[in-house]
Protein backbone atom coordinates (compact mmCIF):
# COMPACT_ATOMS: atom_id res chain seq x y z
CA MET A 1 -6.19 -11.62 -15.55
CA GLU A 2 -5.69 -10.63 -11.91
CA ARG A 3 -5.47 -6.96 -11.04
CA GLU A 4 -4.97 -5.33 -7.68
CA VAL A 5 -7.39 -2.61 -6.64
CA GLU A 6 -6.55 -0.17 -3.87
CA ILE A 7 -9.66 0.29 -1.76
CA GLY A 8 -9.95 3.48 0.28
CA ALA A 9 -12.10 3.83 3.38
CA VAL A 10 -14.70 5.95 1.55
CA VAL A 11 -15.36 3.48 -1.30
CA PRO A 12 -18.96 2.25 -1.19
CA THR A 13 -19.55 -1.46 -0.57
CA LYS A 14 -20.96 -2.05 -4.05
CA THR A 15 -17.81 -0.69 -5.66
CA PHE A 16 -15.33 -3.07 -4.01
CA ALA A 17 -17.79 -5.96 -4.28
CA LEU A 18 -18.11 -5.41 -8.03
CA HIS A 19 -14.33 -5.20 -8.51
CA TRP A 20 -13.94 -8.38 -6.45
CA ALA A 21 -16.66 -10.22 -8.43
CA GLU A 22 -14.81 -9.30 -11.64
CA GLY A 23 -11.65 -10.97 -10.33
CA ALA A 24 -9.72 -8.02 -8.90
CA THR A 25 -7.30 -8.72 -6.06
CA ILE A 26 -8.17 -6.66 -2.99
CA PRO A 27 -5.52 -6.40 -0.26
CA GLY A 28 -6.47 -8.47 2.80
CA VAL A 29 -9.16 -10.47 0.98
CA THR A 30 -8.17 -14.14 0.88
CA PHE A 31 -11.02 -15.77 -1.03
CA SER A 32 -12.24 -15.11 -4.56
CA HIS A 33 -15.73 -15.59 -5.97
CA ALA A 34 -16.64 -19.30 -6.18
CA SER A 35 -13.79 -20.39 -3.86
CA HIS A 36 -14.56 -23.68 -2.15
CA VAL A 37 -14.20 -23.29 1.62
CA ARG A 38 -14.66 -25.11 4.93
CA VAL A 39 -16.32 -23.38 7.88
CA LEU A 40 -14.06 -23.52 10.97
CA GLY A 41 -16.48 -22.59 13.76
CA GLY A 42 -20.01 -21.81 14.80
CA ALA A 43 -23.25 -23.59 13.97
CA PHE A 44 -21.92 -24.75 10.57
CA ALA A 45 -18.45 -25.88 11.71
CA ASP A 46 -16.77 -28.43 9.40
CA GLU A 47 -19.31 -27.92 6.61
CA CYS A 48 -18.11 -27.04 3.12
CA GLY A 49 -19.48 -24.45 0.78
CA CYS A 50 -18.83 -21.93 -1.94
CA VAL A 51 -18.11 -18.18 -1.65
CA ARG A 52 -20.91 -16.26 -3.37
CA GLU A 53 -20.33 -12.63 -2.38
CA LEU A 54 -17.93 -10.30 -0.59
CA ILE A 55 -20.03 -8.39 1.97
CA CYS A 56 -17.57 -6.08 3.75
CA LEU A 57 -13.88 -5.36 4.34
CA ASP A 58 -13.82 -3.95 7.89
CA PRO A 59 -13.13 -4.97 10.56
CA GLU A 60 -12.21 -8.03 8.46
CA PRO A 61 -13.49 -9.38 5.14
CA CYS A 62 -16.90 -11.04 5.42
CA TYR A 63 -18.44 -13.29 2.78
CA ARG A 64 -21.82 -14.76 1.87
CA ILE A 65 -21.33 -18.54 1.68
CA GLU A 66 -23.64 -21.21 0.26
CA LEU A 67 -23.23 -24.59 1.93
CA ASP A 68 -22.88 -27.57 -0.42
CA ALA A 69 -25.10 -30.06 1.40
CA SER A 70 -28.03 -27.90 2.55
CA ARG A 71 -27.80 -24.92 0.16
CA VAL A 72 -28.14 -22.67 3.22
CA THR A 73 -26.59 -19.23 2.68
CA PHE A 74 -25.13 -17.16 5.50
CA GLU A 75 -22.53 -14.49 6.19
CA VAL A 76 -19.24 -15.38 7.83
CA ALA A 77 -15.98 -13.61 8.66
CA GLN A 78 -12.81 -14.61 6.81
CA SER A 79 -11.17 -15.87 10.03
CA PHE A 80 -13.82 -18.62 10.24
CA LEU A 81 -13.02 -20.01 6.79
CA ASP A 82 -10.36 -22.30 5.37
CA ARG A 83 -9.60 -23.02 1.71
CA LEU A 84 -10.24 -26.54 0.44
C-alpha cells in the first residue's frame, strides 16, 4: 500500500529514510527501495544497479546504489539515474 508522507525541512534524515524504506511516497523522490536503475554519468556511466538507500532530499534526492556487475556501492544524485 503506497502512502504519501509530507516531509518538512526539520525532519531528520533517518525519519524520511525509514518512511521511504517502508514504501511511503515522498514528493520529489522518483525511485523506491530495490528499484533497478542505470547510471547516466560519471565513472559508472551506463552501468546498472539497484537502489539500496535514500540518503538525502536536498538539494535533490540522493541514493546509495549497488552495481549489479561489481557489487560496488556508491552515492549518486537522482538526476544521474534512469529507471530500467
